[in-house]
């Protein structure tokens, strides 16, 4: 994920990403997987879940950009906000791990 966040290049051919790409509506697919994207909770996900969520939402945004007429601005905004929050959660958990390592 560090490479995905900082270099914006992520190549993880997992089944969830393949299912996302073949779904009719990527927003609904992500909602079914993660629930309401507007209220993501940092306590709900561990660092591996955040990495996967980031990759999926990034792929969803790329799909949405190619087909903007299918998705409302509100949904595009929601996906963008979710991606930013997941990035923030991941970085916070990484910093917590570093702090724990240093101070233990």
N, C-alpha and C. Protein backbone atom coordinates (compact mmCIF):
# COMPACT_ATOMS: atom_id res chain seq x y z
N UNK A 1 0.82 -1.20 0.00
CA UNK A 1 0.00 0.00 0.00
C UNK A 1 0.86 1.25 0.00
N UNK A 2 1.98 1.23 0.71
CA UNK A 2 2.83 2.41 0.72
C UNK A 2 3.17 2.81 -0.71
N UNK A 3 3.47 1.83 -1.54
CA UNK A 3 3.76 2.13 -2.93
C UNK A 3 2.51 2.69 -3.61
N UNK A 4 1.35 2.12 -3.32
CA UNK A 4 0.11 2.58 -3.94
C UNK A 4 -0.20 4.03 -3.55
N UNK A 5 -0.01 4.38 -2.30
CA UNK A 5 -0.35 5.71 -1.84
C UNK A 5 0.62 6.74 -2.38
N UNK A 6 1.88 6.48 -2.27
CA UNK A 6 2.87 7.49 -2.59
C UNK A 6 3.26 7.53 -4.07
N UNK A 7 3.15 6.44 -4.76
CA UNK A 7 3.53 6.42 -6.17
C UNK A 7 2.33 6.28 -7.09
N UNK A 8 1.16 6.08 -6.53
CA UNK A 8 -0.08 5.94 -7.29
C UNK A 8 -0.01 4.83 -8.33
N UNK A 9 0.75 3.79 -8.03
CA UNK A 9 0.79 2.62 -8.91
C UNK A 9 0.57 1.38 -8.06
N UNK A 10 -0.51 0.73 -8.31
CA UNK A 10 -0.86 -0.44 -7.50
C UNK A 10 -1.28 -1.55 -8.45
N UNK A 11 -0.70 -2.71 -8.29
CA UNK A 11 -1.04 -3.82 -9.16
C UNK A 11 -1.32 -5.04 -8.29
N UNK A 12 -2.56 -5.18 -7.90
CA UNK A 12 -2.94 -6.33 -7.07
C UNK A 12 -4.12 -7.04 -7.72
N UNK A 13 -3.88 -8.03 -8.53
CA UNK A 13 -4.96 -8.72 -9.24
C UNK A 13 -5.70 -9.71 -8.34
N UNK A 14 -6.46 -9.21 -7.40
CA UNK A 14 -7.20 -10.09 -6.49
C UNK A 14 -8.61 -10.34 -7.03
N UNK A 15 -9.29 -11.30 -6.44
CA UNK A 15 -10.64 -11.63 -6.88
C UNK A 15 -11.61 -10.49 -6.66
N UNK A 16 -11.46 -9.76 -5.55
CA UNK A 16 -12.37 -8.65 -5.27
C UNK A 16 -12.22 -7.57 -6.34
N UNK A 17 -10.99 -7.29 -6.76
CA UNK A 17 -10.79 -6.28 -7.80
C UNK A 17 -11.38 -6.74 -9.13
N UNK A 18 -11.23 -8.00 -9.45
CA UNK A 18 -11.82 -8.54 -10.68
C UNK A 18 -13.34 -8.46 -10.63
N UNK A 19 -13.92 -8.78 -9.46
CA UNK A 19 -15.37 -8.67 -9.29
C UNK A 19 -15.83 -7.21 -9.41
N UNK A 20 -15.05 -6.30 -8.85
CA UNK A 20 -15.36 -4.88 -8.93
C UNK A 20 -15.38 -4.44 -10.39
N UNK A 21 -14.38 -4.81 -11.13
CA UNK A 21 -14.28 -4.42 -12.54
C UNK A 21 -15.41 -4.99 -13.38
N UNK A 22 -15.93 -6.15 -13.02
CA UNK A 22 -17.00 -6.76 -13.80
C UNK A 22 -18.40 -6.39 -13.29
N UNK A 23 -18.47 -5.63 -12.20
CA UNK A 23 -19.78 -5.26 -11.65
C UNK A 23 -20.43 -4.16 -12.50
N UNK A 24 -21.75 -4.10 -12.45
CA UNK A 24 -22.48 -3.08 -13.20
C UNK A 24 -22.32 -1.69 -12.58
N UNK A 25 -22.20 -1.66 -11.25
CA UNK A 25 -22.09 -0.38 -10.55
C UNK A 25 -21.05 -0.53 -9.44
N UNK A 26 -19.89 0.10 -9.62
CA UNK A 26 -18.80 -0.05 -8.66
C UNK A 26 -19.15 0.55 -7.30
N UNK A 27 -19.95 1.60 -7.30
CA UNK A 27 -20.34 2.23 -6.04
C UNK A 27 -21.18 1.27 -5.19
N UNK A 28 -22.14 0.64 -5.81
CA UNK A 28 -22.99 -0.33 -5.09
C UNK A 28 -22.15 -1.53 -4.64
N UNK A 29 -21.23 -1.98 -5.49
CA UNK A 29 -20.35 -3.08 -5.13
C UNK A 29 -19.58 -2.75 -3.85
N UNK A 30 -19.00 -1.56 -3.78
CA UNK A 30 -18.23 -1.17 -2.59
C UNK A 30 -19.13 -0.99 -1.37
N UNK A 31 -20.34 -0.49 -1.57
CA UNK A 31 -21.26 -0.35 -0.45
C UNK A 31 -21.64 -1.71 0.12
N UNK A 32 -21.84 -2.68 -0.74
CA UNK A 32 -22.16 -4.03 -0.26
C UNK A 32 -20.97 -4.63 0.49
N UNK A 33 -19.78 -4.29 0.08
CA UNK A 33 -18.57 -4.83 0.71
C UNK A 33 -18.22 -4.12 2.01
N UNK A 34 -18.32 -2.79 2.03
CA UNK A 34 -17.86 -2.00 3.18
C UNK A 34 -18.96 -1.26 3.93
N UNK A 35 -20.18 -1.30 3.44
CA UNK A 35 -21.25 -0.54 4.09
C UNK A 35 -21.23 0.90 3.60
N UNK A 36 -21.78 1.79 4.38
CA UNK A 36 -21.87 3.19 4.00
C UNK A 36 -20.49 3.81 3.93
N UNK A 37 -20.08 4.22 2.75
CA UNK A 37 -18.74 4.77 2.56
C UNK A 37 -18.55 6.11 3.25
N UNK A 38 -19.65 6.79 3.56
CA UNK A 38 -19.56 8.10 4.20
C UNK A 38 -19.20 7.99 5.68
N UNK A 39 -19.39 6.82 6.28
CA UNK A 39 -19.12 6.68 7.72
C UNK A 39 -18.13 5.55 8.01
N UNK A 40 -17.09 5.49 7.24
CA UNK A 40 -16.05 4.49 7.50
C UNK A 40 -15.44 4.74 8.87
N UNK A 41 -15.21 3.67 9.59
CA UNK A 41 -14.66 3.78 10.95
C UNK A 41 -13.27 3.16 10.99
N UNK A 42 -12.34 3.89 11.57
CA UNK A 42 -10.96 3.40 11.62
C UNK A 42 -10.83 2.18 12.52
N UNK A 43 -11.65 2.07 13.53
CA UNK A 43 -11.57 0.93 14.45
C UNK A 43 -12.04 -0.37 13.80
N UNK A 44 -12.79 -0.25 12.73
CA UNK A 44 -13.39 -1.41 12.09
C UNK A 44 -12.39 -2.22 11.25
N UNK A 45 -11.29 -1.57 10.81
CA UNK A 45 -10.39 -2.22 9.86
C UNK A 45 -8.97 -2.29 10.38
N UNK A 46 -8.33 -3.43 10.11
CA UNK A 46 -6.90 -3.53 10.43
C UNK A 46 -6.10 -3.03 9.22
N UNK A 47 -4.81 -3.03 9.34
CA UNK A 47 -3.97 -2.45 8.29
C UNK A 47 -4.10 -3.20 6.96
N UNK A 48 -4.28 -4.51 7.01
CA UNK A 48 -4.45 -5.27 5.76
C UNK A 48 -5.77 -4.96 5.09
N UNK A 49 -6.84 -4.80 5.89
CA UNK A 49 -8.13 -4.43 5.33
C UNK A 49 -8.07 -3.05 4.67
N UNK A 50 -7.35 -2.13 5.30
CA UNK A 50 -7.22 -0.79 4.75
C UNK A 50 -6.48 -0.81 3.42
N UNK A 51 -5.46 -1.64 3.35
CA UNK A 51 -4.70 -1.76 2.11
C UNK A 51 -5.60 -2.26 0.98
N UNK A 52 -6.39 -3.27 1.27
CA UNK A 52 -7.31 -3.82 0.27
C UNK A 52 -8.38 -2.78 -0.12
N UNK A 53 -8.95 -2.12 0.89
CA UNK A 53 -9.98 -1.11 0.62
C UNK A 53 -9.43 0.01 -0.25
N UNK A 54 -8.21 0.44 0.04
CA UNK A 54 -7.59 1.50 -0.76
C UNK A 54 -7.48 1.07 -2.22
N UNK A 55 -6.98 -0.11 -2.44
CA UNK A 55 -6.80 -0.62 -3.79
C UNK A 55 -8.13 -0.70 -4.53
N UNK A 56 -9.16 -1.20 -3.86
CA UNK A 56 -10.48 -1.34 -4.50
C UNK A 56 -11.09 0.02 -4.81
N UNK A 57 -11.01 0.94 -3.87
CA UNK A 57 -11.60 2.26 -4.10
C UNK A 57 -10.83 3.00 -5.19
N UNK A 58 -9.53 2.83 -5.22
CA UNK A 58 -8.72 3.45 -6.29
C UNK A 58 -9.15 2.89 -7.64
N UNK A 59 -9.35 1.60 -7.73
CA UNK A 59 -9.82 0.99 -8.99
C UNK A 59 -11.22 1.48 -9.35
N UNK A 60 -12.07 1.62 -8.34
CA UNK A 60 -13.42 2.12 -8.58
C UNK A 60 -13.39 3.54 -9.13
N UNK A 61 -12.54 4.38 -8.57
CA UNK A 61 -12.43 5.75 -9.06
C UNK A 61 -11.94 5.79 -10.51
N UNK A 62 -11.02 4.93 -10.86
CA UNK A 62 -10.55 4.87 -12.24
C UNK A 62 -11.68 4.45 -13.18
N UNK A 63 -12.49 3.50 -12.74
CA UNK A 63 -13.64 3.06 -13.54
C UNK A 63 -14.66 4.19 -13.69
N UNK A 64 -14.93 4.89 -12.60
CA UNK A 64 -15.89 5.99 -12.62
C UNK A 64 -15.42 7.11 -13.54
N UNK A 65 -14.13 7.41 -13.53
CA UNK A 65 -13.60 8.47 -14.40
C UNK A 65 -13.80 8.13 -15.88
N UNK A 66 -13.78 6.85 -16.20
CA UNK A 66 -13.99 6.44 -17.59
C UNK A 66 -15.46 6.47 -17.99
N UNK A 67 -16.35 6.49 -17.00
CA UNK A 67 -17.79 6.42 -17.27
C UNK A 67 -18.53 7.42 -16.38
N UNK A 68 -18.16 8.68 -16.45
CA UNK A 68 -18.71 9.71 -15.56
C UNK A 68 -20.21 9.89 -15.68
N UNK A 69 -20.76 9.70 -16.86
CA UNK A 69 -22.19 9.92 -17.03
C UNK A 69 -23.04 8.91 -16.25
N UNK A 70 -22.47 7.79 -15.87
CA UNK A 70 -23.21 6.76 -15.14
C UNK A 70 -23.30 7.06 -13.64
N UNK A 71 -22.38 7.88 -13.12
CA UNK A 71 -22.30 8.13 -11.68
C UNK A 71 -22.51 9.61 -11.37
N UNK A 72 -23.27 9.86 -10.33
CA UNK A 72 -23.53 11.25 -9.94
C UNK A 72 -22.30 11.86 -9.29
N UNK A 73 -22.27 13.18 -9.26
CA UNK A 73 -21.16 13.88 -8.60
C UNK A 73 -21.07 13.49 -7.13
N UNK A 74 -22.21 13.29 -6.52
CA UNK A 74 -22.25 12.91 -5.10
C UNK A 74 -21.53 11.58 -4.86
N UNK A 75 -21.74 10.63 -5.74
CA UNK A 75 -21.10 9.32 -5.58
C UNK A 75 -19.60 9.41 -5.86
N UNK A 76 -19.22 10.21 -6.84
CA UNK A 76 -17.80 10.40 -7.12
C UNK A 76 -17.12 11.07 -5.93
N UNK A 77 -17.79 12.07 -5.36
CA UNK A 77 -17.27 12.75 -4.17
C UNK A 77 -17.14 11.77 -3.01
N UNK A 78 -18.14 10.92 -2.83
CA UNK A 78 -18.12 9.94 -1.74
C UNK A 78 -16.96 8.96 -1.90
N UNK A 79 -16.71 8.50 -3.11
CA UNK A 79 -15.58 7.60 -3.36
C UNK A 79 -14.25 8.29 -3.10
N UNK A 80 -14.13 9.53 -3.54
CA UNK A 80 -12.90 10.29 -3.32
C UNK A 80 -12.65 10.51 -1.84
N UNK A 81 -13.69 10.87 -1.11
CA UNK A 81 -13.58 11.08 0.33
C UNK A 81 -13.21 9.79 1.04
N UNK A 82 -13.83 8.68 0.65
CA UNK A 82 -13.52 7.38 1.26
C UNK A 82 -12.06 7.01 1.01
N UNK A 83 -11.57 7.25 -0.19
CA UNK A 83 -10.16 6.96 -0.50
C UNK A 83 -9.23 7.78 0.39
N UNK A 84 -9.55 9.05 0.55
CA UNK A 84 -8.73 9.92 1.39
C UNK A 84 -8.77 9.49 2.86
N UNK A 85 -9.93 9.10 3.35
CA UNK A 85 -10.05 8.66 4.74
C UNK A 85 -9.30 7.36 4.97
N UNK A 86 -9.41 6.43 4.04
CA UNK A 86 -8.70 5.16 4.17
C UNK A 86 -7.19 5.39 4.17
N UNK A 87 -6.72 6.30 3.32
CA UNK A 87 -5.30 6.65 3.31
C UNK A 87 -4.89 7.20 4.66
N UNK A 88 -5.70 8.08 5.21
CA UNK A 88 -5.41 8.67 6.52
C UNK A 88 -5.38 7.60 7.61
N UNK A 89 -6.36 6.69 7.60
CA UNK A 89 -6.40 5.62 8.60
C UNK A 89 -5.15 4.74 8.50
N UNK A 90 -4.77 4.39 7.26
CA UNK A 90 -3.61 3.54 7.05
C UNK A 90 -2.35 4.22 7.60
N UNK A 91 -2.17 5.48 7.27
CA UNK A 91 -0.99 6.19 7.74
C UNK A 91 -0.97 6.32 9.26
N UNK A 92 -2.13 6.55 9.87
CA UNK A 92 -2.21 6.63 11.33
C UNK A 92 -1.83 5.30 11.97
N UNK A 93 -2.33 4.19 11.42
CA UNK A 93 -1.98 2.88 11.97
C UNK A 93 -0.49 2.59 11.79
N UNK A 94 0.06 2.99 10.66
CA UNK A 94 1.49 2.79 10.43
C UNK A 94 2.30 3.59 11.43
N UNK A 95 1.94 4.84 11.66
CA UNK A 95 2.63 5.67 12.64
C UNK A 95 2.50 5.10 14.05
N UNK A 96 1.32 4.58 14.39
CA UNK A 96 1.14 3.95 15.70
C UNK A 96 2.08 2.75 15.87
N UNK A 97 2.22 1.95 14.83
CA UNK A 97 3.13 0.81 14.89
C UNK A 97 4.57 1.26 15.08
N UNK A 98 4.95 2.32 14.40
CA UNK A 98 6.31 2.85 14.54
C UNK A 98 6.53 3.38 15.96
N UNK A 99 5.56 4.13 16.46
CA UNK A 99 5.66 4.65 17.84
C UNK A 99 5.78 3.52 18.85
N UNK A 100 4.95 2.50 18.70
CA UNK A 100 4.99 1.37 19.61
C UNK A 100 6.34 0.66 19.55
N UNK A 101 6.90 0.54 18.37
CA UNK A 101 8.20 -0.09 18.21
C UNK A 101 9.28 0.75 18.89
N UNK A 102 9.24 2.04 18.69
CA UNK A 102 10.27 2.93 19.26
C UNK A 102 10.19 2.96 20.78
N UNK A 103 8.98 3.04 21.32
CA UNK A 103 8.82 3.23 22.75
C UNK A 103 8.69 1.93 23.54
N UNK A 104 8.79 0.81 22.88
CA UNK A 104 8.69 -0.45 23.63
C UNK A 104 10.02 -1.09 23.86
